[in-house]
Amino acid sequence: MPALLLALGSFALAAPAQAAAPVASFTVSPRAPVTGETVVFTSTSSDADGRIVRQAWDLDHDGHYDDGTATTASVSNFTRGNHTVGLLVVDDDGNRRTASKTVAVGANQAPTAAFAASPSAVDTGQATTLTSSSTDPDGRPLTEAWDLDNNGTFGDAIGHVVSASWDTSGTKTVTLRVTDSGGSVRTVSHQVTVHNPPSSAPFSSPSPPSSMQPVSPKLLKPFPLIRISGMTTATGVRIDLLSVRTGHSTKVTIRCKGRHKGCPFKRRVVVARGKVRRRHMPGFNRRHLRAGAVVEVFVTRPGAIGKYTRFKVRRLKPPTRVDSCTAVSVAKVKRCPSA
């Protein structure tokens, strides 16, 4: 019996397993901050056999973890120098761990503000491109805001490249304000000259004089006279009159080419009745056509060679004009016969 008791007494009970402690860690962004810049701390803590149930920050290095309990924390008022930040974490077994890092905060260097306008002289309504070439010595991102109407506020545009135009002429002051991530601000101003566009000029383009017109027994008689008149503009022309002087039983075919150029229609046919007289063509009274639009006029009569005229619209100039003839009876361009 004593031997049995001795054998049993040689066995020991195993101790319960010890719970693993959590790992406390966090990141700092940016890694090398400057004064005035917001520094963000993000916990990357973990627990191998459970989960983190609590985390607390010491951002002012006073030994108390009472400056926040979220996964992230931030400080935007660090002064220049070294600052120690601590993190405390607790897992679901009650185990605690801490981690700390020293953040070196440097002096913030102010950015340099600069931009260029291209072109630096424009007409009213014409856009100029404003391109910032501002830089930050610390390599920090910049916020670029523009004052385009010289009223002292910078809410007219935001960005590295913007476009601006003005409705009135004169010298316009444009100001750029750049702000770095540390809150340092610099401004720069330039002037843009805005001109009124060249004054509109009246124009009139009648048919060539009769001495220049071909003479042939097959020509339509009397040979038609085609006239266009109006005002040049900065974008094209304003047509006040498109007329054809022709006689009885002639057919006037008008074609207007140029999508979105102001044409009142693509094709229209007008049949002239009665004696020879000047007839106003419909759709062109005070019609504005933009540069690139083409107007073609065919005047035909069965059995005769007719008249063809082509106008092409330009900016600030009268339309170019080409006069020729048509094939017999049809609205098709053909070279005029020799005199």
Protein backbone atom coordinates (compact mmCIF):
# COMPACT_ATOMS: atom_id res chain seq x y z
CA MET A 1 0.00 0.00 0.00
CA PRO A 2 2.70 2.55 0.77
CA ALA A 3 4.37 1.67 -2.57
CA LEU A 4 1.09 2.32 -4.45
CA LEU A 5 0.67 5.66 -2.75
CA LEU A 6 4.21 6.60 -3.65
CA ALA A 7 3.60 5.74 -7.34
CA LEU A 8 0.43 7.77 -7.51
CA GLY A 9 2.16 10.68 -5.84
CA SER A 10 4.70 10.87 -8.66
CA PHE A 11 2.06 12.28 -11.14
CA ALA A 12 1.62 16.17 -11.39
CA LEU A 13 -1.35 18.09 -12.87
CA ALA A 14 -0.56 20.17 -16.03
CA ALA A 15 -0.79 24.00 -15.63
CA PRO A 16 -3.42 25.81 -17.77
CA ALA A 17 -2.05 27.43 -21.02
CA GLN A 18 -1.12 31.13 -20.73
CA ALA A 19 -3.08 33.46 -23.08
CA ALA A 20 -0.89 35.27 -25.69
CA ALA A 21 -0.46 39.00 -25.23
CA PRO A 22 -1.57 41.36 -28.05
CA VAL A 23 0.88 43.16 -30.34
CA ALA A 24 0.66 46.98 -30.18
CA SER A 25 1.76 48.86 -33.31
CA PHE A 26 0.77 51.88 -35.43
CA THR A 27 1.81 53.87 -38.51
CA VAL A 28 2.55 57.58 -38.91
CA SER A 29 1.57 59.62 -41.99
CA PRO A 30 3.34 61.61 -43.25
CA ARG A 31 6.54 60.09 -41.97
CA ALA A 32 8.42 63.40 -41.87
CA PRO A 33 5.76 66.04 -41.16
CA VAL A 34 6.27 69.80 -41.00
CA THR A 35 4.74 72.39 -38.68
CA GLY A 36 1.10 73.09 -39.40
CA GLU A 37 0.61 69.76 -41.19
CA THR A 38 -1.90 67.21 -39.91
CA VAL A 39 -0.21 64.01 -38.74
CA VAL A 40 -2.37 60.86 -38.78
CA PHE A 41 -1.70 57.80 -36.58
CA THR A 42 -3.33 54.49 -37.51
CA SER A 43 -3.34 51.42 -35.23
CA THR A 44 -2.15 48.16 -36.85
CA SER A 45 -2.31 46.19 -33.56
CA SER A 46 -3.32 42.51 -33.50
CA ASP A 47 -3.97 39.60 -31.12
CA ALA A 48 -2.92 36.05 -32.09
CA ASP A 49 -5.50 34.17 -29.99
CA GLY A 50 -8.35 36.63 -29.81
CA ARG A 51 -9.18 40.21 -30.63
CA ILE A 52 -8.37 43.75 -29.57
CA VAL A 53 -11.20 45.13 -27.45
CA ARG A 54 -9.75 48.50 -26.49
CA GLN A 55 -7.12 50.95 -27.70
CA ALA A 56 -6.24 54.37 -26.36
CA TRP A 57 -3.82 57.10 -27.45
CA ASP A 58 -1.37 59.34 -25.61
CA LEU A 59 -0.74 62.16 -28.09
CA ASP A 60 0.75 64.76 -25.72
CA HIS A 61 3.27 62.46 -23.99
CA ASP A 62 1.84 63.05 -20.52
CA GLY A 63 1.72 59.35 -19.64
CA HIS A 64 -2.07 59.18 -19.80
CA TYR A 65 -3.84 57.34 -22.62
CA ASP A 66 -6.77 59.72 -22.74
CA ASP A 67 -6.44 61.40 -26.16
CA GLY A 68 -8.67 59.13 -28.23
CA THR A 69 -9.98 55.57 -28.50
CA ALA A 70 -10.57 55.17 -32.24
CA THR A 71 -8.44 53.17 -34.66
CA THR A 72 -6.96 56.45 -35.93
CA ALA A 73 -5.93 59.67 -34.24
CA SER A 74 -4.46 62.92 -35.58
CA VAL A 75 -2.59 66.02 -34.46
CA SER A 76 -2.40 69.27 -36.49
CA ASN A 77 -0.63 71.59 -34.01
CA PHE A 78 2.74 69.95 -33.51
CA THR A 79 5.56 72.45 -33.01
CA ARG A 80 8.99 71.99 -34.54
CA GLY A 81 10.99 69.23 -32.81
CA ASN A 82 10.52 65.68 -31.55
CA HIS A 83 7.17 64.48 -30.21
CA THR A 84 6.47 61.07 -28.64
CA VAL A 85 3.11 59.38 -29.28
CA GLY A 86 1.94 56.27 -27.42
CA LEU A 87 -0.73 53.61 -28.04
CA LEU A 88 -2.23 51.22 -25.43
CA VAL A 89 -4.14 48.10 -26.55
CA VAL A 90 -6.10 45.53 -24.52
CA ASP A 91 -7.22 42.13 -25.85
CA ASP A 92 -10.27 40.04 -24.90
CA ASP A 93 -8.23 38.18 -22.27
CA GLY A 94 -7.40 41.44 -20.49
CA ASN A 95 -3.77 41.47 -21.57
CA ARG A 96 -2.30 44.92 -22.21
CA ARG A 97 0.52 46.15 -24.39
CA THR A 98 1.84 49.57 -25.37
CA ALA A 99 3.83 50.98 -28.28
CA SER A 100 5.37 54.41 -28.82
CA LYS A 101 7.08 56.33 -31.62
CA THR A 102 8.97 59.60 -31.78
CA VAL A 103 7.85 61.92 -34.57
CA ALA A 104 10.38 64.48 -35.83
CA VAL A 105 8.52 67.62 -37.00
CA GLY A 106 10.45 69.98 -39.27
CA ALA A 107 9.93 73.66 -40.11
CA ASN A 108 7.44 74.33 -42.90
CA GLN A 109 8.90 76.23 -45.87
CA ALA A 110 6.46 78.48 -47.69
CA PRO A 111 5.55 77.58 -51.29
CA THR A 112 6.40 79.65 -54.37
CA ALA A 113 3.42 80.98 -56.36
CA ALA A 114 3.76 81.45 -60.14
CA PHE A 115 1.60 81.14 -63.26
CA ALA A 116 1.41 82.19 -66.90
CA ALA A 117 -1.50 83.28 -69.15
CA SER A 118 -1.60 82.10 -72.75
CA PRO A 119 -2.40 84.19 -74.65
CA SER A 120 -1.84 87.24 -72.45
CA ALA A 121 -3.98 89.43 -74.74
CA VAL A 122 -7.41 88.28 -75.93
CA ASP A 123 -10.64 89.63 -77.43
CA THR A 124 -13.81 89.86 -75.37
CA GLY A 125 -15.37 86.41 -75.14
CA GLN A 126 -12.11 84.71 -76.10
CA ALA A 127 -10.59 82.35 -73.51
CA THR A 128 -7.06 82.43 -72.14
CA THR A 129 -5.43 79.45 -70.41
CA LEU A 130 -3.92 80.05 -66.95
CA THR A 131 -1.28 77.51 -65.97
CA SER A 132 0.25 77.38 -62.49
CA SER A 133 3.96 76.60 -62.13
CA SER A 134 3.91 76.92 -58.33
CA THR A 135 6.18 74.70 -56.23
CA ASP A 136 6.59 73.65 -52.61
CA PRO A 137 10.15 73.26 -51.20
CA ASP A 138 8.96 70.49 -48.87
CA GLY A 139 7.47 68.55 -51.77
CA ARG A 140 3.98 68.80 -50.29
CA PRO A 141 0.82 68.98 -52.44
CA LEU A 142 -0.57 72.47 -53.11
CA THR A 143 -4.11 73.78 -53.25
CA GLU A 144 -4.38 76.34 -56.07
CA ALA A 145 -7.31 78.80 -56.02
CA TRP A 146 -7.99 81.64 -58.49
CA ASP A 147 -9.48 85.13 -58.27
CA LEU A 148 -10.46 85.92 -61.87
CA ASP A 149 -12.61 89.02 -61.29
CA ASN A 150 -10.25 90.85 -58.89
CA ASN A 151 -12.77 90.98 -56.04
CA GLY A 152 -10.41 89.59 -53.40
CA THR A 153 -12.03 86.17 -53.12
CA PHE A 154 -10.64 82.95 -54.51
CA GLY A 155 -13.78 81.06 -55.43
CA ASP A 156 -13.70 81.51 -59.21
CA ALA A 157 -11.69 78.37 -60.04
CA ILE A 158 -9.64 75.63 -58.39
CA GLY A 159 -6.86 73.65 -60.03
CA HIS A 160 -3.49 73.63 -61.73
CA VAL A 161 -4.82 74.73 -65.16
CA VAL A 162 -7.96 76.85 -65.63
CA SER A 163 -9.58 78.85 -68.44
CA ALA A 164 -10.88 82.41 -68.18
CA SER A 165 -12.68 84.90 -70.44
CA TRP A 166 -14.22 88.35 -70.01
CA ASP A 167 -17.22 90.12 -71.57
CA THR A 168 -15.73 93.61 -71.32
CA SER A 169 -12.47 95.09 -72.59
CA GLY A 170 -9.68 96.51 -70.44
CA THR A 171 -6.80 95.33 -68.28
CA LYS A 172 -7.90 92.41 -66.08
CA THR A 173 -6.01 91.38 -62.93
CA VAL A 174 -5.83 87.65 -62.20
CA THR A 175 -4.52 86.38 -58.85
CA LEU A 176 -3.46 82.87 -57.86
CA ARG A 177 -3.34 81.73 -54.23
CA VAL A 178 -1.39 78.60 -53.34
CA THR A 179 -1.64 76.85 -49.96
CA ASP A 180 0.54 73.96 -48.83
CA SER A 181 -0.48 71.14 -46.49
CA GLY A 182 1.13 73.00 -43.58
CA GLY A 183 -1.11 76.03 -44.09
CA SER A 184 1.50 78.38 -45.60
CA VAL A 185 0.00 80.69 -48.24
CA ARG A 186 1.49 82.66 -51.13
CA THR A 187 -0.21 84.71 -53.87
CA VAL A 188 0.84 86.11 -57.24
CA SER A 189 -0.98 88.38 -59.72
CA HIS A 190 -0.70 89.01 -63.45
CA GLN A 191 -2.65 91.19 -65.87
CA VAL A 192 -4.44 90.08 -69.02
CA THR A 193 -5.30 92.62 -71.72
CA VAL A 194 -8.79 92.25 -73.18
CA HIS A 195 -9.62 94.00 -76.46
CA ASN A 196 -12.89 94.56 -78.21
CA PRO A 197 -12.89 92.51 -81.42
CA PRO A 198 -12.39 94.43 -84.67
CA SER A 199 -15.49 96.41 -85.53
CA SER A 200 -17.98 94.74 -87.82
CA ALA A 201 -17.74 96.03 -91.37
CA PRO A 202 -20.51 96.19 -93.96
CA PHE A 203 -20.02 94.25 -97.17
CA SER A 204 -21.88 93.87 -100.42
CA SER A 205 -21.18 91.40 -103.19
CA PRO A 206 -23.20 91.96 -106.36
CA SER A 207 -22.83 89.89 -109.48
CA PRO A 208 -19.87 90.77 -111.73
CA PRO A 209 -20.59 93.56 -114.24
CA SER A 210 -22.22 92.48 -117.45
CA SER A 211 -19.03 93.14 -119.42
CA MET A 212 -17.42 90.26 -117.55
CA GLN A 213 -20.26 87.84 -118.12
CA PRO A 214 -20.11 85.32 -120.92
CA VAL A 215 -22.30 85.93 -123.94
CA SER A 216 -23.86 82.95 -125.67
CA PRO A 217 -27.14 82.22 -127.42
CA LYS A 218 -27.68 79.43 -124.92
CA LEU A 219 -27.37 81.66 -121.85
CA LEU A 220 -30.42 82.37 -119.76
CA LYS A 221 -31.70 85.85 -120.70
CA PRO A 222 -31.62 88.19 -118.98
CA PHE A 223 -28.64 86.67 -117.19
CA PRO A 224 -29.40 86.61 -113.41
CA LEU A 225 -27.78 88.98 -110.92
CA ILE A 226 -27.08 87.52 -107.45
CA ARG A 227 -26.33 89.80 -104.54
CA ILE A 228 -25.44 89.23 -100.87
CA SER A 229 -24.91 91.96 -98.27
CA GLY A 230 -24.56 92.23 -94.50
CA MET A 231 -22.00 92.72 -91.72
CA THR A 232 -18.82 90.85 -90.84
CA THR A 233 -18.54 89.61 -87.25
CA ALA A 234 -15.94 88.00 -85.02
CA THR A 235 -17.41 84.55 -85.73
CA GLY A 236 -18.68 84.89 -89.29
CA VAL A 237 -21.20 87.19 -90.99
CA ARG A 238 -24.69 88.51 -90.44
CA ILE A 239 -26.54 88.39 -93.76
CA ASP A 240 -29.07 91.18 -94.23
CA LEU A 241 -29.94 90.40 -97.84
CA LEU A 242 -29.61 87.53 -100.31
CA SER A 243 -31.36 88.43 -103.56
CA VAL A 244 -31.59 87.18 -107.15
CA ARG A 245 -32.63 89.38 -110.08
CA THR A 246 -34.20 87.04 -112.60
CA GLY A 247 -37.21 86.67 -114.89
CA HIS A 248 -40.27 84.54 -115.49
CA SER A 249 -40.19 80.73 -115.25
CA THR A 250 -36.71 80.52 -113.72
CA LYS A 251 -36.04 78.22 -110.80
CA VAL A 252 -33.75 79.35 -107.95
CA THR A 253 -32.21 76.49 -105.97
CA ILE A 254 -30.42 77.44 -102.74
CA ARG A 255 -28.18 75.08 -100.80
CA CYS A 256 -26.66 75.87 -97.40
CA LYS A 257 -23.85 73.63 -96.19
CA GLY A 258 -22.20 73.43 -92.79
CA ARG A 259 -23.71 71.57 -89.88
CA HIS A 260 -24.27 73.81 -86.87
CA LYS A 261 -23.05 76.83 -88.86
CA GLY A 262 -26.38 78.70 -88.79
CA CYS A 263 -27.91 77.51 -92.07
CA PRO A 264 -31.70 78.05 -92.10
CA PHE A 265 -32.13 74.94 -94.26
CA LYS A 266 -30.15 72.47 -96.39
CA ARG A 267 -31.99 73.03 -99.68
CA ARG A 268 -34.84 75.20 -100.89
CA VAL A 269 -36.32 75.89 -104.34
CA VAL A 270 -38.03 79.16 -105.34
CA VAL A 271 -39.83 79.47 -108.71
CA ALA A 272 -39.82 83.00 -110.15
CA ARG A 273 -43.01 84.23 -111.80
CA GLY A 274 -43.79 87.42 -113.66
CA LYS A 275 -41.48 90.09 -115.02
CA VAL A 276 -37.80 90.47 -114.38
CA ARG A 277 -37.18 91.84 -110.90
CA ARG A 278 -35.05 91.39 -107.79
CA ARG A 279 -36.35 88.70 -105.47
CA HIS A 280 -35.31 88.30 -101.84
CA MET A 281 -34.45 84.72 -100.93
CA PRO A 282 -36.29 83.41 -97.84
CA GLY A 283 -34.54 82.43 -94.62
CA PHE A 284 -31.55 84.79 -94.87
CA ASN A 285 -32.97 88.06 -93.53
CA ARG A 286 -30.64 89.02 -90.64
CA ARG A 287 -29.35 85.46 -90.55
CA HIS A 288 -26.02 84.89 -88.76
CA LEU A 289 -23.76 82.31 -90.40
CA ARG A 290 -20.58 81.11 -88.75
CA ALA A 291 -17.23 80.76 -90.47
CA GLY A 292 -17.10 77.71 -92.74
CA ALA A 293 -20.74 77.86 -93.88
CA VAL A 294 -21.23 77.62 -97.67
CA VAL A 295 -24.21 79.02 -99.57
CA GLU A 296 -24.77 77.96 -103.20
CA VAL A 297 -27.30 79.55 -105.57
CA PHE A 298 -28.37 77.94 -108.86
CA VAL A 299 -30.66 79.85 -111.29
CA THR A 300 -31.97 77.60 -114.07
CA ARG A 301 -34.56 77.49 -116.85
CA PRO A 302 -35.38 74.62 -119.20
CA GLY A 303 -33.31 74.77 -122.37
CA ALA A 304 -30.84 77.42 -121.13
CA ILE A 305 -27.51 77.72 -119.37
CA GLY A 306 -28.11 79.21 -115.94
CA LYS A 307 -26.21 81.09 -113.25
CA TYR A 308 -24.23 79.59 -110.34
CA THR A 309 -22.77 81.52 -107.38
CA ARG A 310 -21.03 80.15 -104.29
CA PHE A 311 -20.32 82.06 -101.05
CA LYS A 312 -18.07 80.78 -98.26
CA VAL A 313 -18.26 82.52 -94.86
CA ARG A 314 -15.12 83.79 -93.08
CA ARG A 315 -14.41 85.53 -89.76
CA LEU A 316 -14.06 89.34 -89.88
CA LYS A 317 -14.04 89.32 -93.69
CA PRO A 318 -16.72 89.32 -96.41
CA PRO A 319 -17.51 85.86 -97.76
CA THR A 320 -15.43 84.58 -100.65
CA ARG A 321 -17.37 84.43 -103.91
CA VAL A 322 -17.19 82.19 -106.97
CA ASP A 323 -19.37 82.85 -110.05
CA SER A 324 -19.92 80.32 -112.80
CA CYS A 325 -22.69 78.76 -114.88
CA THR A 326 -24.95 75.74 -114.66
CA ALA A 327 -25.53 72.89 -117.01
CA VAL A 328 -28.49 73.32 -119.35
CA SER A 329 -31.77 73.15 -117.42
CA VAL A 330 -30.33 71.61 -114.22
CA ALA A 331 -28.79 72.83 -110.95
CA LYS A 332 -25.34 71.48 -111.69
CA VAL A 333 -22.15 73.54 -111.88
CA LYS A 334 -20.58 73.84 -115.31
CA ARG A 335 -17.93 76.07 -116.79
CA CYS A 336 -19.36 79.04 -118.65
CA PRO A 337 -19.03 79.02 -122.45
CA SER A 338 -16.49 81.32 -124.08
CA ALA A 339 -17.65 84.78 -125.14
